[in-house]
Structure formats: structure tokens, C-alpha cells
Amino acid sequence: MRRLLGSADFARAFTLTTFAALVGSHLIERLAGIVTLRAVVAGLCVFALGILWARREEISLLRLVPTTLLLLVAWAFASVFWSSDPFTSLGRWTAMAAVALLAVTIGHIRDTLQTVRALGDVLRAALGLSLGLEVLSGILLDVPLKFLGIQGNIAALGPIQGIFGTRNMLGIITVVAMITFAVEMRTQSVRPGTAAASLTLAAALGLLSASPTVLVLAVAVGTATAVLMLVRAVPAERRRAVQWSLAAVVAAASVAGYVQRARILDALGATDDLSMRTRLWSLAGFYTSKRPVQGWGWFGPWEVDEQPFFTINQLLGQHHTTALNAYVDVLLQLGWAGLLLLCALGGVALVRSWMTASQRRSIVYAWTPLMLVALAVTSVFESVALFGVGWMLLCLCAVRAGQSRSWRARLTGDVPTGSFSLPR
């Protein structure tokens, strides 16, 4: 049994199954129910623990989990004790910890290229299935598939939802897919025809989703890619100065974007959506002020019958299951302490992975920082980075970034003295 759990073939199968379960979670829940999805994740966690046990001699316990990830999960657990429904909150925290465990396991048993290949295979299948079901619903049958949330609008060129439930989620997945497929193409890990077809499929579905988030994400990731390529091309002795200059430009552009956000959203045709979100965030801010440090307790996706989520939806006359902003959601549920820990988790991982990608020759190292940029920008519009596949990708990127740049690597002698690192 130990030999099987520690084998490369089992690690690949585990990685593919984990990605498929989380990417297709909405499809699994709609077809087989939430209990089945929970059973699948629980079974994967049992295998994850078995794999870590079988590989215990090659995995350093000291470097197993980033400190920032441990602290965030621990703070979410502590919030269970002051939430309005501790039992439900504990269940949601268990789901959070389970997905983190799966991400940590993948991060230690597969390298970056193997991870990209596995995720690419799953995303190709998921997007292909989405296109097939949209064609079936909107063209062949001309009947919405309501049990999957597919409205059948592909004949009208969108918006479409695929197997992901909403057009925004489909849009986010297509951007994640484009990053993954582009890295596959540049590393020549798949055939050129497969890479080109995959990118075309992701781009087409992104456009058909008609989600304003896709355009913003594409611009942000495209800009980050161009900047990273520029940094990689700069001689090593000038790289630090260029990095600081670019950081200043990014900070200035972020401030300008925030100041001009109304005009930007008007150009995207999302003014009405912004008005709705502003009211939602204003109410969330009101309740945050009641418990500014510790928040109202961790739930992840809202338990709409609990406070303050019930009252927020009642006042808005709507049915929201998130705050439509990961930062606002964490602030509401875990307070300022939780928000700082989330920013530390993503920020430290981004700096580490960016430094690694700018210095290593292989383009595969660009996948981690670009994915973190996508998650950071997505978090302004949706809360997907706090649960499900978004949370898994965030945890996986944090683990991946910490493997090459960590203060604990010095203790184990894995990184030469003098290499750049941040507290992990």
C-alpha cells in the first residue's frame, strides 16, 4: 500500500482527480447532490493523508505548509467560537481546511510543470464539456438546462454559463485556462495544435460569457505578463532597479484606476452592477464596524439564514451568497485580522513567485505569479478565492512559492545563503 501511495502514477491520478472534483464541483453538486461532493472531497483528503504518510521521508515537516496559510486557517477556526451558528461554521471551516490539505499535498508531490499539465487537461475537458452542453441546449434542443444553470443563449452569442453556474465564474475559469494553456504552449509540453485549439476554446468561451470581469482580468494578466517578460530580459545587475520602478508604476496605476473607477465601469457597461455592489459593500461595511477585529465568524459562502447575511439580503431585497468581493467577505467574516492574514498570504506568495520567475530561465515559473495576479484581481469582483477551486489555487500557489524562497529553507540548507526570502 505504501508503495502504491508513494508512486508517481498515483500522484498523477490524485492530482487529476482533485482538479476535476474542484473545477467540476458545481456540475457534481447539481447532478449528484452536495453530499456526494462532500464525500468525494473527504475521500480525496484520506488519500492525501496517505500520500503524505507514504512520502514522509522525502517531505520536510518544517516546510510543509506556509506560515501565513496556517495562521489564516487557524484564525478562521478560532472564529467558529463567536459565530452565530458554531456547528455550521465548523463544517464550513472543515471544507476550507480540506481543500487546503489537497492543495498542500499536490504542491509537494508534483512539480510546477506537472501541475500545469494536470490542470490543463482538466480545464480542456471542462471547457469542452461546457461548449458541448451550451450547443446542445441553445442550438440542438433550444431548451434551457435549468438543473445546470445553462440558459441556452449561445445562438444569441451569450451570455453563457457552461458547467460553472454563472457567466462570471465561466469567465474566471477561462482566464485561468488561458494562463495555463499559454504556459503549456511555451514549454512545449503539449502539441502545438492542441495548445492553439485550447487557447482558442478558452478565448471563445470567455467572450461568449459576456462577463465584464473577463476583460478586466485579461488586461491585468496581459499587463503582468508583459512586465514579467520585460524584467526577465533585463540584465541581472539592473533588475532590482527595474523591479522597484515597475512597482511604483503599478502603485500609481492602481490609485489612478481606483479614482477613475466610475468611468472605467461606465465604459464596460457595468455601472448598474457597480451600484448594486456598492450598496452590498456598504451594508457589509456597516456590520464590519460592529465587529471590526474578529468579524462575524467564518462561513465562506454565506449561510443566508444566519446573521448578518440574512439582514443584508433582506435590506437589499436580493439573494446574495457572497459579498461579491473576497476582501469585503473576509473583512465581514474574519475582521481586519483575517484580511491582513489573507493579504499576507497572497502578497508574500506573489513577491516570492515573481522573484523566482524573473530569475529562472524556464517560462513555467511564470505560471504561479500570473495565477496569483489573476486571483488578486478576481477577488475585487468575486469571492471565489475563498472557497472551492479558487481557494485551492491560492493555497497551491502559496505552497509553490514558498518551496524556493523561504526562511525555513535556510534551516534545512536547501537555499544558498544570501538568496532573497520573505517570512513564511
Protein backbone atom coordinates (compact mmCIF):
# COMPACT_ATOMS: atom_id res chain seq x y z
CA MET A 1 0.00 0.00 0.00
CA ARG A 2 2.78 2.43 0.88
CA ARG A 3 4.46 1.73 -2.44
CA LEU A 4 1.23 2.48 -4.30
CA LEU A 5 0.54 5.70 -2.38
CA GLY A 6 4.10 6.88 -2.95
CA SER A 7 4.20 6.12 -6.68
CA ALA A 8 4.35 8.76 -9.40
CA ASP A 9 1.37 7.26 -11.24
CA PHE A 10 -0.80 7.51 -8.13
CA ALA A 11 0.34 11.11 -7.58
CA ARG A 12 -0.69 12.00 -11.14
CA ALA A 13 -4.07 10.28 -10.76
CA PHE A 14 -4.65 12.01 -7.42
CA THR A 15 -3.81 15.42 -8.91
CA LEU A 16 -6.09 14.96 -11.91
CA THR A 17 -8.96 13.73 -9.74
CA THR A 18 -8.58 16.59 -7.27
CA PHE A 19 -8.57 19.22 -10.01
CA ALA A 20 -11.55 17.57 -11.71
CA ALA A 21 -13.55 17.44 -8.46
CA LEU A 22 -12.99 21.11 -7.64
CA VAL A 23 -13.25 22.51 -11.16
CA GLY A 24 -16.43 20.49 -11.70
CA SER A 25 -17.87 21.00 -8.22
CA HIS A 26 -20.98 22.82 -9.49
CA LEU A 27 -21.66 20.05 -12.01
CA ILE A 28 -21.19 17.32 -9.39
CA GLU A 29 -23.45 19.10 -6.90
CA ARG A 30 -26.22 19.61 -9.46
CA LEU A 31 -26.07 16.04 -10.78
CA ALA A 32 -25.42 14.04 -7.61
CA GLY A 33 -26.02 16.43 -4.70
CA ILE A 34 -23.87 18.23 -2.14
CA VAL A 35 -23.45 15.06 -0.07
CA THR A 36 -21.74 13.34 -2.99
CA LEU A 37 -19.41 16.29 -3.49
CA ARG A 38 -18.50 16.28 0.19
CA ALA A 39 -17.90 12.53 0.07
CA VAL A 40 -15.58 12.95 -2.92
CA VAL A 41 -13.56 15.67 -1.17
CA ALA A 42 -13.43 13.65 2.07
CA GLY A 43 -12.18 10.61 0.17
CA LEU A 44 -9.51 12.69 -1.55
CA CYS A 45 -8.40 14.02 1.85
CA VAL A 46 -7.97 10.45 3.11
CA PHE A 47 -5.77 9.69 0.09
CA ALA A 48 -3.88 12.97 0.64
CA LEU A 49 -3.02 11.99 4.21
CA GLY A 50 -1.98 8.56 2.98
CA ILE A 51 0.28 10.07 0.32
CA LEU A 52 1.93 12.41 2.82
CA TRP A 53 2.48 9.47 5.17
CA ALA A 54 3.95 7.32 2.39
CA ARG A 55 6.30 10.15 1.37
CA ARG A 56 7.14 11.31 4.89
CA GLU A 57 10.85 10.65 4.42
CA GLU A 58 11.11 12.96 1.39
CA ILE A 59 8.85 15.75 2.67
CA SER A 60 10.16 18.19 5.28
CA LEU A 61 7.58 18.77 8.01
CA LEU A 62 9.20 22.14 8.69
CA ARG A 63 8.40 23.32 5.15
CA LEU A 64 5.10 21.52 4.67
CA VAL A 65 2.71 24.49 4.97
CA PRO A 66 3.38 28.26 4.65
CA THR A 67 3.07 30.05 7.97
CA THR A 68 0.66 32.62 6.54
CA LEU A 69 -1.65 29.84 5.37
CA LEU A 70 -1.52 28.16 8.77
CA LEU A 71 -2.32 31.42 10.55
CA LEU A 72 -5.26 32.24 8.26
CA VAL A 73 -6.79 28.78 8.66
CA ALA A 74 -6.18 28.89 12.44
CA TRP A 75 -7.88 32.31 12.72
CA ALA A 76 -10.85 31.03 10.71
CA PHE A 77 -11.09 28.12 13.15
CA ALA A 78 -10.98 30.47 16.12
CA SER A 79 -13.87 32.47 14.64
CA VAL A 80 -16.09 29.39 14.93
CA PHE A 81 -16.42 30.11 18.65
CA TRP A 82 -18.02 33.55 18.17
CA SER A 83 -20.10 32.87 15.04
CA SER A 84 -23.91 32.86 15.20
CA ASP A 85 -24.00 29.14 14.31
CA PRO A 86 -20.83 27.38 15.54
CA PHE A 87 -21.86 23.97 14.16
CA THR A 88 -22.39 25.22 10.60
CA SER A 89 -19.33 27.44 10.85
CA LEU A 90 -17.22 24.45 11.91
CA GLY A 91 -18.48 22.49 8.92
CA ARG A 92 -17.54 25.33 6.55
CA TRP A 93 -14.11 25.61 8.19
CA THR A 94 -13.62 21.86 7.71
CA ALA A 95 -14.27 22.32 3.99
CA MET A 96 -11.76 25.18 3.92
CA ALA A 97 -9.10 23.08 5.68
CA ALA A 98 -9.84 20.06 3.46
CA VAL A 99 -9.24 21.99 0.23
CA ALA A 100 -6.07 23.50 1.71
CA LEU A 101 -4.86 19.97 2.56
CA LEU A 102 -5.43 18.85 -1.04
CA ALA A 103 -3.52 21.87 -2.36
CA VAL A 104 -0.62 21.33 0.03
CA THR A 105 -0.40 17.67 -0.99
CA ILE A 106 -0.33 18.48 -4.70
CA GLY A 107 2.25 21.17 -4.08
CA HIS A 108 4.62 18.61 -2.55
CA ILE A 109 4.11 15.62 -4.86
CA ARG A 110 4.05 17.36 -8.25
CA ASP A 111 6.38 20.00 -9.67
CA THR A 112 5.12 23.13 -11.40
CA LEU A 113 5.13 21.71 -14.92
CA GLN A 114 3.33 18.54 -13.82
CA THR A 115 0.77 20.68 -12.01
CA VAL A 116 0.22 22.87 -15.08
CA ARG A 117 -0.19 19.82 -17.32
CA ALA A 118 -2.73 18.20 -14.99
CA LEU A 119 -4.73 21.41 -14.60
CA GLY A 120 -4.57 21.99 -18.36
CA ASP A 121 -6.01 18.54 -19.09
CA VAL A 122 -8.88 19.08 -16.64
CA LEU A 123 -9.66 22.57 -17.94
CA ARG A 124 -9.69 21.36 -21.55
CA ALA A 125 -12.24 18.72 -20.63
CA ALA A 126 -14.33 21.15 -18.55
CA LEU A 127 -14.42 23.84 -21.23
CA GLY A 128 -15.09 21.29 -23.97
CA LEU A 129 -17.99 19.86 -21.97
CA SER A 130 -19.28 23.39 -21.33
CA LEU A 131 -19.27 24.17 -25.04
CA GLY A 132 -20.97 20.87 -25.86
CA LEU A 133 -23.76 21.41 -23.33
CA GLU A 134 -24.29 25.01 -24.47
CA VAL A 135 -24.60 23.86 -28.09
CA LEU A 136 -26.99 21.08 -27.02
CA SER A 137 -29.12 23.50 -25.02
CA GLY A 138 -29.07 26.57 -27.23
CA ILE A 139 -28.93 25.11 -30.73
CA LEU A 140 -29.86 21.43 -30.90
CA LEU A 141 -32.67 21.36 -28.30
CA ASP A 142 -33.31 25.10 -27.89
CA VAL A 143 -34.28 24.41 -24.27
CA PRO A 144 -32.52 25.75 -21.15
CA LEU A 145 -30.86 23.14 -18.94
CA LYS A 146 -32.15 24.68 -15.75
CA PHE A 147 -30.78 21.99 -13.45
CA LEU A 148 -27.25 23.03 -14.55
CA GLY A 149 -27.98 26.75 -14.72
CA ILE A 150 -27.47 26.78 -18.51
CA GLN A 151 -29.81 29.30 -20.15
CA GLY A 152 -29.11 28.22 -23.74
CA ASN A 153 -28.08 31.63 -25.10
CA ILE A 154 -25.20 30.52 -27.30
CA ALA A 155 -27.18 31.09 -30.51
CA ALA A 156 -27.52 34.73 -29.45
CA LEU A 157 -23.76 34.82 -28.73
CA GLY A 158 -24.22 34.77 -24.99
CA PRO A 159 -24.15 35.18 -22.16
CA ILE A 160 -23.36 31.52 -21.48
CA GLN A 161 -22.54 29.77 -18.22
CA GLY A 162 -21.19 26.33 -19.13
CA ILE A 163 -20.91 23.84 -16.26
CA PHE A 164 -19.90 26.58 -13.81
CA GLY A 165 -23.29 28.01 -12.91
CA THR A 166 -22.73 31.70 -13.71
CA ARG A 167 -21.21 33.66 -16.55
CA ASN A 168 -18.73 35.36 -14.21
CA MET A 169 -17.43 32.00 -12.96
CA LEU A 170 -17.07 30.77 -16.52
CA GLY A 171 -15.18 33.94 -17.37
CA ILE A 172 -12.80 33.50 -14.46
CA ILE A 173 -12.15 29.87 -15.38
CA THR A 174 -11.38 30.84 -18.99
CA VAL A 175 -8.72 33.30 -17.85
CA VAL A 176 -7.19 30.67 -15.55
CA ALA A 177 -7.27 28.30 -18.52
CA MET A 178 -5.60 30.77 -20.87
CA ILE A 179 -2.73 31.28 -18.43
CA THR A 180 -2.33 27.52 -18.09
CA PHE A 181 -2.61 26.80 -21.82
CA ALA A 182 -0.13 29.57 -22.67
CA VAL A 183 2.45 28.11 -20.29
CA GLU A 184 1.83 24.67 -21.80
CA MET A 185 2.44 26.08 -25.26
CA ARG A 186 5.61 27.96 -24.30
CA THR A 187 7.07 24.94 -22.53
CA GLN A 188 6.09 22.68 -25.45
CA SER A 189 4.51 20.23 -23.02
CA VAL A 190 1.59 19.64 -25.42
CA ARG A 191 1.40 19.52 -29.20
CA PRO A 192 1.21 22.94 -30.94
CA GLY A 193 -2.18 22.09 -32.41
CA THR A 194 -3.56 21.12 -29.01
CA ALA A 195 -2.20 24.31 -27.44
CA ALA A 196 -3.66 26.52 -30.18
CA ALA A 197 -7.05 24.80 -30.03
CA SER A 198 -7.12 25.06 -26.23
CA LEU A 199 -6.35 28.78 -26.27
CA THR A 200 -8.97 29.36 -28.97
CA LEU A 201 -11.59 27.45 -26.98
CA ALA A 202 -10.85 29.38 -23.76
CA ALA A 203 -10.87 32.75 -25.55
CA ALA A 204 -14.13 31.97 -27.36
CA LEU A 205 -15.92 30.88 -24.20
CA GLY A 206 -14.55 33.91 -22.36
CA LEU A 207 -16.07 36.19 -24.99
CA LEU A 208 -19.36 34.27 -25.04
CA SER A 209 -19.62 34.57 -21.26
CA ALA A 210 -20.13 38.32 -21.80
CA SER A 211 -18.69 38.92 -18.36
CA PRO A 212 -17.09 42.34 -17.72
CA THR A 213 -14.73 40.55 -15.35
CA VAL A 214 -13.07 38.75 -18.26
CA LEU A 215 -11.91 41.97 -19.92
CA VAL A 216 -10.50 43.40 -16.69
CA LEU A 217 -8.78 40.11 -15.88
CA ALA A 218 -7.36 39.78 -19.39
CA VAL A 219 -5.92 43.29 -19.28
CA ALA A 220 -4.44 42.77 -15.80
CA VAL A 221 -2.89 39.38 -16.63
CA GLY A 222 -1.70 40.59 -20.03
CA THR A 223 -0.02 43.59 -18.43
CA ALA A 224 1.58 41.42 -15.76
CA THR A 225 2.85 39.05 -18.44
CA ALA A 226 4.41 41.88 -20.44
CA VAL A 227 6.05 43.32 -17.34
CA LEU A 228 7.41 39.95 -16.29
CA MET A 229 8.86 39.35 -19.75
CA LEU A 230 10.49 42.79 -19.60
CA VAL A 231 12.03 42.04 -16.21
CA ARG A 232 13.33 38.66 -17.40
CA ALA A 233 15.03 40.37 -20.35
CA VAL A 234 16.84 42.94 -18.16
CA PRO A 235 20.44 42.15 -17.13
CA ALA A 236 20.72 40.83 -13.56
CA GLU A 237 22.64 43.85 -12.28
CA ARG A 238 19.83 46.23 -13.35
CA ARG A 239 16.93 44.01 -12.39
CA ARG A 240 16.41 45.33 -8.86
CA ALA A 241 16.13 48.96 -10.02
CA VAL A 242 13.69 47.94 -12.74
CA GLN A 243 11.62 45.96 -10.24
CA TRP A 244 11.27 48.95 -7.91
CA SER A 245 10.44 51.29 -10.80
CA LEU A 246 7.74 48.94 -12.06
CA ALA A 247 6.36 48.57 -8.54
CA ALA A 248 5.98 52.35 -8.33
CA VAL A 249 4.24 52.44 -11.72
CA VAL A 250 1.85 49.66 -10.67
CA ALA A 251 1.04 51.50 -7.43
CA ALA A 252 0.35 54.74 -9.31
CA ALA A 253 -1.77 52.95 -11.91
CA SER A 254 -3.77 51.23 -9.16
CA VAL A 255 -4.52 54.58 -7.50
CA ALA A 256 -5.48 56.12 -10.84
CA GLY A 257 -7.72 53.15 -11.63
CA TYR A 258 -9.47 53.46 -8.29
CA VAL A 259 -10.02 57.20 -8.74
CA GLN A 260 -11.38 56.69 -12.27
CA ARG A 261 -13.31 53.51 -11.45
CA ALA A 262 -16.68 55.08 -12.30
CA ARG A 263 -15.56 55.99 -15.83
CA ILE A 264 -13.93 52.61 -16.35
CA LEU A 265 -17.06 50.75 -15.28
CA ASP A 266 -19.23 53.00 -17.41
CA ALA A 267 -17.05 52.17 -20.42
CA LEU A 268 -17.50 48.48 -19.62
CA GLY A 269 -21.26 48.90 -19.30
CA ALA A 270 -21.19 47.81 -15.66
CA THR A 271 -22.49 50.96 -13.94
CA ASP A 272 -25.71 49.31 -12.74
CA ASP A 273 -23.73 46.35 -11.45
CA LEU A 274 -21.41 48.72 -9.56
CA SER A 275 -24.41 50.45 -7.96
CA MET A 276 -25.70 47.10 -6.68
CA ARG A 277 -22.29 46.08 -5.42
CA THR A 278 -21.75 49.45 -3.73
CA ARG A 279 -24.95 49.02 -1.73
CA LEU A 280 -23.94 45.48 -0.79
CA TRP A 281 -20.45 46.53 0.28
CA SER A 282 -21.84 49.49 2.24
CA LEU A 283 -24.09 47.20 4.30
CA ALA A 284 -21.22 44.75 4.77
CA GLY A 285 -19.08 47.65 5.99
CA PHE A 286 -21.76 48.65 8.48
CA TYR A 287 -21.78 45.18 10.04
CA THR A 288 -17.98 45.01 9.92
CA SER A 289 -17.86 48.12 12.09
CA LYS A 290 -19.77 46.21 14.77
CA ARG A 291 -17.00 43.57 14.99
CA PRO A 292 -14.02 45.19 13.28
CA VAL A 293 -11.22 42.94 14.54
CA GLN A 294 -12.68 39.44 14.77
CA GLY A 295 -15.60 39.56 12.30
CA TRP A 296 -18.83 37.57 12.48
CA GLY A 297 -17.36 34.10 12.11
CA TRP A 298 -16.21 32.03 9.15
CA PHE A 299 -18.81 30.63 6.75
CA GLY A 300 -17.15 31.03 3.34
CA PRO A 301 -20.22 31.09 1.06
CA TRP A 302 -22.93 32.81 3.07
CA GLU A 303 -25.33 30.85 5.22
CA VAL A 304 -28.24 33.06 4.21
CA ASP A 305 -30.35 32.22 7.28
CA GLU A 306 -27.63 33.44 9.65
CA GLN A 307 -26.69 36.93 10.73
CA PRO A 308 -25.57 39.29 9.35
CA PHE A 309 -26.15 37.71 5.94
CA PHE A 310 -29.91 37.37 6.40
CA THR A 311 -30.41 41.03 7.27
CA ILE A 312 -28.14 42.22 4.45
CA ASN A 313 -30.17 40.30 1.88
CA GLN A 314 -33.44 41.46 3.43
CA LEU A 315 -32.41 45.11 3.27
CA LEU A 316 -31.25 44.74 -0.33
CA GLY A 317 -34.26 42.66 -1.35
CA GLN A 318 -31.88 40.24 -3.07
CA HIS A 319 -30.32 36.82 -2.54
CA HIS A 320 -26.54 37.04 -2.32
CA THR A 321 -24.39 34.10 -1.23
CA THR A 322 -21.17 36.15 -1.12
CA ALA A 323 -20.19 39.79 -0.81
CA LEU A 324 -19.03 39.71 -4.47
CA ASN A 325 -15.60 40.74 -3.21
CA ALA A 326 -13.18 38.43 -1.41
CA TYR A 327 -11.63 41.24 0.60
CA VAL A 328 -15.01 42.52 1.82
CA ASP A 329 -16.09 38.94 2.60
CA VAL A 330 -13.00 38.24 4.71
CA LEU A 331 -13.38 41.60 6.46
CA LEU A 332 -17.00 40.77 7.29
CA GLN A 333 -16.35 37.22 8.45
CA LEU A 334 -12.84 37.39 9.92
CA GLY A 335 -12.36 41.09 10.59
CA TRP A 336 -9.24 43.14 10.00
CA ALA A 337 -7.09 40.38 11.44
CA GLY A 338 -8.34 37.95 8.79
CA LEU A 339 -7.96 40.49 5.98
CA LEU A 340 -4.35 41.19 6.94
CA LEU A 341 -3.61 37.46 7.01
CA LEU A 342 -5.23 36.95 3.58
CA CYS A 343 -3.24 39.84 2.10
CA ALA A 344 -0.06 38.48 3.71
CA LEU A 345 -0.76 35.02 2.26
CA GLY A 346 -1.28 36.32 -1.28
CA GLY A 347 1.22 39.16 -1.10
CA VAL A 348 4.17 37.13 0.18
CA ALA A 349 3.42 34.37 -2.32
CA LEU A 350 3.25 36.89 -5.18
CA VAL A 351 6.57 38.53 -4.26
CA ARG A 352 8.32 35.18 -3.87
CA SER A 353 6.96 33.70 -7.09
CA TRP A 354 7.59 36.91 -9.04
CA MET A 355 11.23 36.99 -7.94
CA THR A 356 11.65 33.35 -8.86
CA ALA A 357 10.00 33.79 -12.28
CA SER A 358 12.14 36.84 -13.05
CA GLN A 359 15.37 34.95 -12.32
CA ARG A 360 14.72 31.39 -13.54
CA ARG A 361 15.16 30.62 -17.23
CA SER A 362 12.15 28.33 -17.68
CA ILE A 363 8.87 30.05 -18.52
CA VAL A 364 6.98 27.54 -16.37
CA TYR A 365 7.84 29.59 -13.28
CA ALA A 366 5.64 32.40 -14.66
CA TRP A 367 2.51 30.33 -14.03
CA THR A 368 2.47 30.93 -10.26
CA PRO A 369 2.76 34.77 -10.20
CA LEU A 370 0.36 35.17 -13.12
CA MET A 371 -2.17 32.94 -11.38
CA LEU A 372 -1.81 34.99 -8.20
CA VAL A 373 -2.34 38.22 -10.16
CA ALA A 374 -5.50 36.72 -11.67
CA LEU A 375 -6.78 35.68 -8.23
CA ALA A 376 -5.98 39.09 -6.71
CA VAL A 377 -7.86 40.95 -9.45
CA THR A 378 -10.72 38.44 -9.44
CA SER A 379 -11.11 38.98 -5.71
CA VAL A 380 -12.24 42.55 -6.37
CA PHE A 381 -15.28 41.25 -8.28
CA GLU A 382 -15.97 37.81 -6.81
CA SER A 383 -15.18 35.81 -3.67
CA VAL A 384 -14.07 32.65 -5.47
CA ALA A 385 -10.56 32.83 -3.96
CA LEU A 386 -12.05 31.95 -0.54
CA PHE A 387 -13.51 28.54 -1.38
CA GLY A 388 -13.55 25.78 -3.96
CA VAL A 389 -11.17 25.86 -6.89
CA GLY A 390 -10.14 29.48 -6.25
CA TRP A 391 -9.06 28.70 -2.67
CA MET A 392 -7.23 25.60 -3.86
CA LEU A 393 -5.28 27.60 -6.47
CA LEU A 394 -4.39 30.26 -3.89
CA CYS A 395 -3.10 27.65 -1.42
CA LEU A 396 -1.27 25.76 -4.16
CA CYS A 397 0.46 28.92 -5.39
CA ALA A 398 1.46 29.83 -1.82
CA VAL A 399 2.99 26.39 -1.29
CA ARG A 400 4.74 26.52 -4.66
CA ALA A 401 6.14 29.99 -4.00
CA GLY A 402 7.42 29.01 -0.56
CA GLN A 403 9.35 25.99 -1.81
CA SER A 404 12.08 28.04 -3.46
CA ARG A 405 12.10 31.12 -1.22
CA SER A 406 11.52 30.57 2.47
CA TRP A 407 13.33 31.43 5.68
CA ARG A 408 12.82 27.80 6.69
CA ALA A 409 14.77 26.68 3.64
CA ARG A 410 17.85 28.18 5.27
CA LEU A 411 17.33 26.00 8.31
CA THR A 412 17.27 22.87 6.16
CA GLY A 413 20.12 24.05 3.95
CA ASP A 414 18.08 23.95 0.73
CA VAL A 415 18.71 27.55 -0.32
CA PRO A 416 22.12 29.21 -0.59
CA THR A 417 22.81 31.90 1.99
CA GLY A 418 22.10 35.35 0.66
CA SER A 419 19.15 34.40 -1.51
CA PHE A 420 16.12 36.67 -1.29
CA SER A 421 13.37 35.48 1.04
CA LEU A 422 10.41 36.75 2.99
CA PRO A 423 8.96 35.41 6.27
CA ARG A 424 6.88 32.39 5.52
